[in-house]
Amino acid sequence: MSSLTSGRLRFALGELATLPRAAVVIEDRYSQIFTQDRVRPALVADGLVELQVRWPTIPIVFCENRALAEEWTYRYLAAAFTWAQTEDAALTRMGLAADQTGCENAITTAPSAPDPTTAEVRAWARAHSIDVPDRGRLRPQIWQAWHQAHQPDPEPAVSQ
C-alpha cells in the first residue's frame, strides 16, 4: 500500500517495463483493498487500475498468501525462461543469439560453475566424515573426492 500511495510502485513499473517479461505479485486478496482503514480504498483501487492501464504488459497478480505467490512466481519465471530460450527475438535483444556460423547461443554454452572455496570443501568433507585439517591446503585426495561427489549426472538415454 505504501509503495502505491508514495509513487514508488509507479517508478518500479517504469523500470520493469524495460524488461522483455515482468510481473507484480501482491500477497493478498484484491478484496482486502476495500477493508483498509488508514488509506481510502478507492485511492488504492484507482491507483492499481491506473498502473495496469499505463503498463498493460505487466500483469498485477493477487495471490492470497505467500505460498500461492511463490508458486505463481515459480511458474511465471519457468515460462519466461522457456520463452527466452526459444524466442529468437528475445535472444537477439539480450545479445545471446547464435552468430552467423551457427554456434550455440550463450545460454547453452555458459561456463561451468566455479570450484568451491577451501572452506566449503572442508565443511563438505567434515559432513562426510573425512578427516581434514583446520587450516592450510587440502590434500588432492579431498578435492578429488569432492569432484567425484559433485559430478553432473549423465543425461539419461532416450528410448525410441
N, C-alpha and C. Protein backbone atom coordinates (compact mmCIF):
# COMPACT_ATOMS: atom_id res chain seq x y z
N MET A 1 0.82 -1.19 0.00
CA MET A 1 0.00 0.00 0.00
C MET A 1 0.86 1.26 0.00
N SER A 2 1.92 1.23 0.82
CA SER A 2 2.73 2.45 0.92
C SER A 2 3.49 2.72 -0.38
N SER A 3 3.96 1.66 -1.06
CA SER A 3 4.67 1.90 -2.32
C SER A 3 3.73 2.43 -3.40
N LEU A 4 2.46 2.03 -3.34
CA LEU A 4 1.48 2.54 -4.29
C LEU A 4 1.15 4.00 -4.00
N THR A 5 0.88 4.31 -2.74
CA THR A 5 0.48 5.68 -2.40
C THR A 5 1.64 6.67 -2.45
N SER A 6 2.87 6.19 -2.25
CA SER A 6 4.02 7.10 -2.30
C SER A 6 4.54 7.33 -3.72
N GLY A 7 4.14 6.49 -4.66
CA GLY A 7 4.62 6.63 -6.03
C GLY A 7 5.79 5.73 -6.37
N ARG A 8 6.33 5.02 -5.37
CA ARG A 8 7.46 4.12 -5.64
C ARG A 8 7.09 3.00 -6.59
N LEU A 9 5.88 2.50 -6.48
CA LEU A 9 5.44 1.42 -7.36
C LEU A 9 5.37 1.89 -8.81
N ARG A 10 4.99 3.13 -9.02
CA ARG A 10 4.95 3.69 -10.38
C ARG A 10 6.34 3.68 -11.00
N PHE A 11 7.35 4.11 -10.24
CA PHE A 11 8.72 4.10 -10.75
C PHE A 11 9.22 2.68 -10.98
N ALA A 12 8.86 1.77 -10.08
CA ALA A 12 9.27 0.37 -10.24
C ALA A 12 8.68 -0.23 -11.51
N LEU A 13 7.41 0.05 -11.78
CA LEU A 13 6.79 -0.47 -13.01
C LEU A 13 7.42 0.16 -14.25
N GLY A 14 7.81 1.41 -14.15
CA GLY A 14 8.51 2.05 -15.27
C GLY A 14 9.81 1.33 -15.59
N GLU A 15 10.53 0.91 -14.56
CA GLU A 15 11.76 0.15 -14.78
C GLU A 15 11.47 -1.26 -15.27
N LEU A 16 10.45 -1.90 -14.72
CA LEU A 16 10.08 -3.24 -15.16
C LEU A 16 9.64 -3.27 -16.61
N ALA A 17 9.07 -2.16 -17.09
CA ALA A 17 8.58 -2.09 -18.46
C ALA A 17 9.72 -2.20 -19.48
N THR A 18 10.94 -1.97 -19.06
CA THR A 18 12.07 -2.07 -19.98
C THR A 18 12.51 -3.52 -20.19
N LEU A 19 11.98 -4.44 -19.39
CA LEU A 19 12.34 -5.85 -19.50
C LEU A 19 11.41 -6.57 -20.47
N PRO A 20 11.89 -7.65 -21.08
CA PRO A 20 11.02 -8.38 -22.01
C PRO A 20 9.81 -9.00 -21.31
N ARG A 21 9.96 -9.44 -20.08
CA ARG A 21 8.86 -10.02 -19.30
C ARG A 21 8.98 -9.55 -17.86
N ALA A 22 7.85 -9.17 -17.25
CA ALA A 22 7.85 -8.73 -15.86
C ALA A 22 6.43 -8.91 -15.31
N ALA A 23 6.33 -8.96 -14.00
CA ALA A 23 5.02 -9.06 -13.34
C ALA A 23 5.16 -8.52 -11.92
N VAL A 24 4.02 -8.16 -11.35
CA VAL A 24 3.96 -7.73 -9.95
C VAL A 24 3.04 -8.70 -9.24
N VAL A 25 3.52 -9.28 -8.14
CA VAL A 25 2.72 -10.22 -7.36
C VAL A 25 2.42 -9.57 -6.02
N ILE A 26 1.14 -9.52 -5.67
CA ILE A 26 0.70 -8.95 -4.41
C ILE A 26 0.21 -10.08 -3.52
N GLU A 27 0.78 -10.17 -2.34
CA GLU A 27 0.43 -11.25 -1.42
C GLU A 27 -0.77 -10.87 -0.57
N ASP A 28 -1.92 -10.82 -1.20
CA ASP A 28 -3.18 -10.56 -0.51
C ASP A 28 -4.30 -10.69 -1.52
N ARG A 29 -5.52 -10.71 -1.06
CA ARG A 29 -6.68 -10.77 -1.94
C ARG A 29 -7.05 -9.35 -2.38
N TYR A 30 -7.58 -9.25 -3.59
CA TYR A 30 -8.00 -7.95 -4.09
C TYR A 30 -9.06 -7.35 -3.17
N SER A 31 -9.91 -8.17 -2.61
CA SER A 31 -10.98 -7.68 -1.75
C SER A 31 -10.44 -6.99 -0.50
N GLN A 32 -9.22 -7.29 -0.10
CA GLN A 32 -8.64 -6.67 1.09
C GLN A 32 -8.34 -5.19 0.89
N ILE A 33 -8.27 -4.76 -0.36
CA ILE A 33 -8.07 -3.33 -0.63
C ILE A 33 -9.20 -2.52 0.00
N PHE A 34 -10.40 -3.07 -0.04
CA PHE A 34 -11.58 -2.32 0.39
C PHE A 34 -11.82 -2.42 1.89
N THR A 35 -10.91 -3.05 2.62
CA THR A 35 -11.04 -3.10 4.08
C THR A 35 -10.03 -2.20 4.78
N GLN A 36 -9.29 -1.43 4.01
CA GLN A 36 -8.26 -0.55 4.59
C GLN A 36 -8.91 0.56 5.41
N ASP A 37 -8.29 0.89 6.53
CA ASP A 37 -8.81 1.98 7.34
C ASP A 37 -7.86 3.18 7.40
N ARG A 38 -6.61 2.99 6.99
CA ARG A 38 -5.65 4.10 7.03
C ARG A 38 -5.51 4.80 5.68
N VAL A 39 -5.96 4.13 4.64
CA VAL A 39 -5.91 4.68 3.29
C VAL A 39 -7.31 4.52 2.69
N ARG A 40 -7.71 5.50 1.94
CA ARG A 40 -9.01 5.41 1.29
C ARG A 40 -8.98 4.27 0.27
N PRO A 41 -9.85 3.27 0.40
CA PRO A 41 -9.82 2.11 -0.50
C PRO A 41 -9.94 2.50 -1.97
N ALA A 42 -10.73 3.49 -2.30
CA ALA A 42 -10.88 3.90 -3.70
C ALA A 42 -9.55 4.42 -4.26
N LEU A 43 -8.76 5.08 -3.42
CA LEU A 43 -7.46 5.58 -3.85
C LEU A 43 -6.55 4.42 -4.27
N VAL A 44 -6.54 3.36 -3.48
CA VAL A 44 -5.71 2.19 -3.78
C VAL A 44 -6.21 1.49 -5.05
N ALA A 45 -7.52 1.26 -5.13
CA ALA A 45 -8.09 0.57 -6.30
C ALA A 45 -7.84 1.39 -7.57
N ASP A 46 -8.06 2.69 -7.50
CA ASP A 46 -7.82 3.55 -8.67
C ASP A 46 -6.34 3.56 -9.05
N GLY A 47 -5.46 3.58 -8.05
CA GLY A 47 -4.03 3.57 -8.33
C GLY A 47 -3.59 2.29 -9.04
N LEU A 48 -4.11 1.15 -8.59
CA LEU A 48 -3.77 -0.12 -9.25
C LEU A 48 -4.30 -0.17 -10.68
N VAL A 49 -5.50 0.31 -10.88
CA VAL A 49 -6.08 0.33 -12.24
C VAL A 49 -5.27 1.25 -13.14
N GLU A 50 -4.88 2.40 -12.61
CA GLU A 50 -4.07 3.34 -13.40
C GLU A 50 -2.75 2.69 -13.84
N LEU A 51 -2.11 1.99 -12.91
CA LEU A 51 -0.84 1.32 -13.24
C LEU A 51 -1.05 0.24 -14.29
N GLN A 52 -2.14 -0.51 -14.19
CA GLN A 52 -2.41 -1.57 -15.15
C GLN A 52 -2.71 -1.01 -16.53
N VAL A 53 -3.41 0.13 -16.57
CA VAL A 53 -3.71 0.76 -17.86
C VAL A 53 -2.45 1.36 -18.47
N ARG A 54 -1.63 1.96 -17.63
CA ARG A 54 -0.40 2.59 -18.15
C ARG A 54 0.61 1.57 -18.64
N TRP A 55 0.73 0.44 -17.93
CA TRP A 55 1.66 -0.62 -18.33
C TRP A 55 0.88 -1.93 -18.49
N PRO A 56 0.14 -2.08 -19.59
CA PRO A 56 -0.71 -3.27 -19.76
C PRO A 56 0.07 -4.57 -19.96
N THR A 57 1.35 -4.49 -20.29
CA THR A 57 2.14 -5.71 -20.49
C THR A 57 2.67 -6.29 -19.20
N ILE A 58 2.50 -5.57 -18.09
CA ILE A 58 2.97 -6.06 -16.79
C ILE A 58 1.75 -6.46 -15.96
N PRO A 59 1.53 -7.76 -15.83
CA PRO A 59 0.36 -8.18 -15.05
C PRO A 59 0.55 -7.90 -13.56
N ILE A 60 -0.54 -7.55 -12.92
CA ILE A 60 -0.58 -7.39 -11.46
C ILE A 60 -1.44 -8.54 -10.95
N VAL A 61 -0.80 -9.46 -10.23
CA VAL A 61 -1.46 -10.69 -9.82
C VAL A 61 -1.63 -10.70 -8.31
N PHE A 62 -2.84 -11.02 -7.87
CA PHE A 62 -3.13 -11.12 -6.44
C PHE A 62 -3.10 -12.59 -6.05
N CYS A 63 -2.28 -12.93 -5.07
CA CYS A 63 -2.21 -14.28 -4.51
C CYS A 63 -2.46 -14.14 -3.01
N GLU A 64 -3.41 -14.88 -2.50
CA GLU A 64 -3.87 -14.61 -1.14
C GLU A 64 -2.89 -14.95 -0.03
N ASN A 65 -1.80 -15.67 -0.33
CA ASN A 65 -0.80 -15.94 0.70
C ASN A 65 0.57 -16.14 0.07
N ARG A 66 1.58 -16.25 0.91
CA ARG A 66 2.97 -16.36 0.44
C ARG A 66 3.17 -17.61 -0.41
N ALA A 67 2.58 -18.74 0.01
CA ALA A 67 2.78 -19.98 -0.73
C ALA A 67 2.23 -19.88 -2.16
N LEU A 68 1.06 -19.30 -2.31
CA LEU A 68 0.50 -19.13 -3.65
C LEU A 68 1.32 -18.14 -4.48
N ALA A 69 1.79 -17.09 -3.84
CA ALA A 69 2.62 -16.11 -4.54
C ALA A 69 3.91 -16.74 -5.03
N GLU A 70 4.53 -17.56 -4.19
CA GLU A 70 5.76 -18.25 -4.59
C GLU A 70 5.49 -19.23 -5.72
N GLU A 71 4.39 -19.96 -5.64
CA GLU A 71 4.03 -20.92 -6.70
C GLU A 71 3.81 -20.21 -8.03
N TRP A 72 3.05 -19.11 -8.00
CA TRP A 72 2.78 -18.37 -9.23
C TRP A 72 4.09 -17.81 -9.80
N THR A 73 4.92 -17.25 -8.94
CA THR A 73 6.18 -16.67 -9.39
C THR A 73 7.08 -17.73 -9.99
N TYR A 74 7.16 -18.90 -9.36
CA TYR A 74 7.97 -20.00 -9.88
C TYR A 74 7.51 -20.38 -11.29
N ARG A 75 6.21 -20.52 -11.47
CA ARG A 75 5.68 -20.91 -12.78
C ARG A 75 5.88 -19.80 -13.82
N TYR A 76 5.73 -18.57 -13.40
CA TYR A 76 5.94 -17.45 -14.32
C TYR A 76 7.40 -17.39 -14.79
N LEU A 77 8.32 -17.53 -13.84
CA LEU A 77 9.73 -17.48 -14.21
C LEU A 77 10.12 -18.66 -15.09
N ALA A 78 9.55 -19.84 -14.83
CA ALA A 78 9.84 -21.00 -15.68
C ALA A 78 9.34 -20.77 -17.10
N ALA A 79 8.13 -20.22 -17.23
CA ALA A 79 7.60 -19.94 -18.55
C ALA A 79 8.41 -18.86 -19.26
N ALA A 80 8.83 -17.83 -18.52
CA ALA A 80 9.65 -16.76 -19.11
C ALA A 80 11.00 -17.30 -19.56
N PHE A 81 11.58 -18.21 -18.77
CA PHE A 81 12.87 -18.81 -19.14
C PHE A 81 12.72 -19.63 -20.41
N THR A 82 11.66 -20.43 -20.48
CA THR A 82 11.42 -21.24 -21.68
C THR A 82 11.23 -20.34 -22.89
N TRP A 83 10.45 -19.29 -22.72
CA TRP A 83 10.24 -18.35 -23.81
C TRP A 83 11.56 -17.73 -24.26
N ALA A 84 12.39 -17.34 -23.31
CA ALA A 84 13.67 -16.70 -23.64
C ALA A 84 14.59 -17.65 -24.40
N GLN A 85 14.52 -18.93 -24.10
CA GLN A 85 15.38 -19.90 -24.78
C GLN A 85 14.91 -20.17 -26.20
N THR A 86 13.61 -20.06 -26.44
CA THR A 86 13.09 -20.44 -27.75
C THR A 86 12.76 -19.25 -28.63
N GLU A 87 12.69 -18.09 -28.07
CA GLU A 87 12.30 -16.91 -28.84
C GLU A 87 13.54 -16.22 -29.39
N ASP A 88 13.73 -16.29 -30.71
CA ASP A 88 14.91 -15.70 -31.34
C ASP A 88 15.01 -14.20 -31.10
N ALA A 89 13.87 -13.52 -31.15
CA ALA A 89 13.90 -12.07 -30.93
C ALA A 89 14.38 -11.74 -29.53
N ALA A 90 13.97 -12.53 -28.56
CA ALA A 90 14.40 -12.30 -27.18
C ALA A 90 15.89 -12.54 -27.05
N LEU A 91 16.38 -13.60 -27.66
CA LEU A 91 17.80 -13.90 -27.59
C LEU A 91 18.62 -12.80 -28.26
N THR A 92 18.15 -12.30 -29.38
CA THR A 92 18.86 -11.23 -30.06
C THR A 92 18.87 -9.97 -29.19
N ARG A 93 17.72 -9.64 -28.59
CA ARG A 93 17.62 -8.46 -27.74
C ARG A 93 18.55 -8.56 -26.54
N MET A 94 18.74 -9.77 -26.03
CA MET A 94 19.60 -9.97 -24.86
C MET A 94 21.06 -10.18 -25.27
N GLY A 95 21.33 -10.17 -26.57
CA GLY A 95 22.71 -10.36 -27.03
C GLY A 95 23.18 -11.79 -26.93
N LEU A 96 22.25 -12.75 -26.98
CA LEU A 96 22.61 -14.15 -26.84
C LEU A 96 22.34 -14.95 -28.09
N ALA A 97 21.99 -14.32 -29.18
CA ALA A 97 21.65 -15.05 -30.40
C ALA A 97 22.87 -15.73 -30.98
N ALA A 98 22.63 -16.83 -31.67
CA ALA A 98 23.73 -17.55 -32.32
C ALA A 98 24.33 -16.67 -33.41
N ASP A 99 25.62 -16.77 -33.57
CA ASP A 99 26.26 -15.98 -34.62
C ASP A 99 26.02 -16.61 -35.99
N GLN A 100 26.54 -15.98 -37.03
CA GLN A 100 26.28 -16.44 -38.39
C GLN A 100 26.91 -17.81 -38.67
N THR A 101 27.85 -18.27 -37.86
CA THR A 101 28.50 -19.57 -38.11
C THR A 101 27.66 -20.71 -37.59
N GLY A 102 26.55 -20.41 -36.88
CA GLY A 102 25.68 -21.47 -36.39
C GLY A 102 26.08 -22.01 -35.04
N CYS A 103 26.95 -21.31 -34.32
CA CYS A 103 27.35 -21.78 -33.00
C CYS A 103 26.18 -21.69 -32.04
N GLU A 104 26.23 -22.46 -30.97
CA GLU A 104 25.18 -22.44 -29.97
C GLU A 104 25.16 -21.08 -29.28
N ASN A 105 24.02 -20.73 -28.73
CA ASN A 105 23.93 -19.43 -28.06
C ASN A 105 24.53 -19.51 -26.66
N ALA A 106 24.63 -18.37 -26.01
CA ALA A 106 25.31 -18.28 -24.72
C ALA A 106 24.57 -18.99 -23.60
N ILE A 107 23.28 -19.21 -23.74
CA ILE A 107 22.55 -19.90 -22.68
C ILE A 107 23.03 -21.35 -22.59
N THR A 108 23.26 -21.99 -23.73
CA THR A 108 23.67 -23.39 -23.70
C THR A 108 25.18 -23.55 -23.59
N THR A 109 25.93 -22.48 -23.77
CA THR A 109 27.38 -22.59 -23.69
C THR A 109 27.94 -21.80 -22.52
N ALA A 110 27.13 -21.60 -21.49
CA ALA A 110 27.59 -20.85 -20.33
C ALA A 110 28.72 -21.60 -19.64
N PRO A 111 29.65 -20.89 -19.03
CA PRO A 111 30.74 -21.58 -18.34
C PRO A 111 30.20 -22.37 -17.15
N SER A 112 30.96 -23.39 -16.78
CA SER A 112 30.55 -24.19 -15.63
C SER A 112 30.71 -23.38 -14.35
N ALA A 113 30.07 -23.83 -13.32
CA ALA A 113 30.13 -23.14 -12.04
C ALA A 113 31.56 -23.15 -11.51
N PRO A 114 31.98 -22.12 -10.81
CA PRO A 114 33.34 -22.09 -10.27
C PRO A 114 33.51 -23.14 -9.18
N ASP A 115 34.75 -23.55 -8.98
CA ASP A 115 35.04 -24.50 -7.91
C ASP A 115 34.72 -23.87 -6.57
N PRO A 116 34.39 -24.69 -5.59
CA PRO A 116 34.06 -24.15 -4.27
C PRO A 116 35.31 -23.64 -3.57
N THR A 117 35.10 -22.88 -2.53
CA THR A 117 36.23 -22.41 -1.73
C THR A 117 36.75 -23.56 -0.88
N THR A 118 37.93 -23.39 -0.35
CA THR A 118 38.52 -24.40 0.53
C THR A 118 37.63 -24.62 1.75
N ALA A 119 37.06 -23.55 2.27
CA ALA A 119 36.18 -23.67 3.43
C ALA A 119 34.95 -24.50 3.11
N GLU A 120 34.40 -24.35 1.92
CA GLU A 120 33.23 -25.13 1.52
C GLU A 120 33.57 -26.61 1.39
N VAL A 121 34.72 -26.90 0.79
CA VAL A 121 35.14 -28.30 0.65
C VAL A 121 35.46 -28.89 2.02
N ARG A 122 36.08 -28.10 2.87
CA ARG A 122 36.39 -28.56 4.23
C ARG A 122 35.10 -28.90 4.98
N ALA A 123 34.08 -28.05 4.88
CA ALA A 123 32.80 -28.31 5.54
C ALA A 123 32.14 -29.55 4.95
N TRP A 124 32.20 -29.71 3.62
CA TRP A 124 31.62 -30.90 2.98
C TRP A 124 32.34 -32.15 3.46
N ALA A 125 33.66 -32.09 3.53
CA ALA A 125 34.43 -33.26 3.96
C ALA A 125 34.09 -33.65 5.39
N ARG A 126 33.97 -32.68 6.26
CA ARG A 126 33.61 -32.98 7.65
C ARG A 126 32.22 -33.57 7.74
N ALA A 127 31.30 -33.08 6.93
CA ALA A 127 29.94 -33.61 6.93
C ALA A 127 29.90 -35.06 6.45
N HIS A 128 30.93 -35.45 5.67
CA HIS A 128 31.01 -36.82 5.16
C HIS A 128 32.08 -37.63 5.89
N SER A 129 32.43 -37.20 7.10
CA SER A 129 33.36 -37.93 7.98
C SER A 129 34.74 -38.13 7.36
N ILE A 130 35.19 -37.15 6.61
CA ILE A 130 36.55 -37.18 6.05
C ILE A 130 37.40 -36.27 6.92
N ASP A 131 38.52 -36.78 7.38
CA ASP A 131 39.39 -36.01 8.27
C ASP A 131 40.14 -34.95 7.46
N VAL A 132 39.99 -33.69 7.87
CA VAL A 132 40.66 -32.58 7.20
C VAL A 132 41.26 -31.66 8.26
N PRO A 133 42.38 -31.00 7.93
CA PRO A 133 42.98 -30.07 8.89
C PRO A 133 42.13 -28.81 9.00
N ASP A 134 42.28 -28.11 10.13
CA ASP A 134 41.53 -26.88 10.36
C ASP A 134 42.00 -25.74 9.46
N ARG A 135 43.30 -25.76 9.11
CA ARG A 135 43.87 -24.69 8.29
C ARG A 135 44.76 -25.29 7.22
N GLY A 136 45.13 -24.45 6.26
CA GLY A 136 46.10 -24.86 5.24
C GLY A 136 45.45 -25.50 4.03
N ARG A 137 46.32 -25.99 3.16
CA ARG A 137 45.86 -26.60 1.92
C ARG A 137 45.20 -27.94 2.18
N LEU A 138 44.28 -28.28 1.32
CA LEU A 138 43.65 -29.58 1.40
C LEU A 138 44.40 -30.57 0.50
N ARG A 139 44.44 -31.80 0.94
CA ARG A 139 45.12 -32.83 0.15
C ARG A 139 44.40 -33.02 -1.19
N PRO A 140 45.11 -33.36 -2.23
CA PRO A 140 44.47 -33.59 -3.54
C PRO A 140 43.38 -34.66 -3.49
N GLN A 141 43.53 -35.64 -2.60
CA GLN A 141 42.53 -36.71 -2.49
C GLN A 141 41.18 -36.13 -2.03
N ILE A 142 41.21 -35.10 -1.19
CA ILE A 142 39.96 -34.49 -0.71
C ILE A 142 39.27 -33.75 -1.85
N TRP A 143 40.06 -33.00 -2.61
CA TRP A 143 39.50 -32.30 -3.77
C TRP A 143 38.93 -33.31 -4.77
N GLN A 144 39.65 -34.38 -4.99
CA GLN A 144 39.19 -35.41 -5.93
C GLN A 144 37.87 -36.03 -5.43
N ALA A 145 37.77 -36.30 -4.14
CA ALA A 145 36.55 -36.86 -3.57
C ALA A 145 35.38 -35.88 -3.75
N TRP A 146 35.65 -34.59 -3.53
CA TRP A 146 34.59 -33.59 -3.71
C TRP A 146 34.12 -33.57 -5.15
N HIS A 147 35.07 -33.55 -6.11
CA HIS A 147 34.71 -33.50 -7.53
C HIS A 147 33.93 -34.75 -7.94
N GLN A 148 34.33 -35.91 -7.43
CA GLN A 148 33.61 -37.14 -7.77
C GLN A 148 32.19 -37.10 -7.21
N ALA A 149 32.03 -36.56 -6.02
CA ALA A 149 30.70 -36.50 -5.40
C ALA A 149 29.80 -35.47 -6.08
N HIS A 150 30.39 -34.51 -6.77
CA HIS A 150 29.60 -33.44 -7.39
C HIS A 150 29.65 -33.46 -8.90
N GLN A 151 29.89 -34.61 -9.49
CA GLN A 151 29.87 -34.72 -10.95
C GLN A 151 28.44 -34.58 -11.44
N PRO A 152 28.26 -33.88 -12.57
CA PRO A 152 26.89 -33.78 -13.09
C PRO A 152 26.42 -35.16 -13.54
N ASP A 153 25.13 -35.42 -13.34
CA ASP A 153 24.57 -36.68 -13.76
C ASP A 153 24.60 -36.78 -15.27
N PRO A 154 25.00 -37.92 -15.81
CA PRO A 154 24.94 -38.07 -17.27
C PRO A 154 23.50 -38.04 -17.71
N GLU A 155 23.28 -37.52 -18.91
CA GLU A 155 21.92 -37.43 -19.43
C GLU A 155 21.40 -38.84 -19.68
N PRO A 156 20.17 -39.12 -19.23
CA PRO A 156 19.63 -40.45 -19.44
C PRO A 156 19.38 -40.72 -20.92
N ALA A 157 19.58 -41.97 -21.30
CA ALA A 157 19.36 -42.35 -22.69
C ALA A 157 17.86 -42.33 -22.97
N VAL A 158 17.51 -41.84 -24.13
CA VAL A 158 16.12 -41.77 -24.52
C VAL A 158 15.81 -42.94 -25.42
N SER A 159 14.85 -43.77 -25.00
CA SER A 159 14.50 -44.91 -25.84
C SER A 159 13.49 -44.50 -26.88
N GLN A 160 13.58 -45.10 -28.03
CA GLN A 160 12.68 -44.71 -29.12
C GLN A 160 11.74 -45.80 -29.46
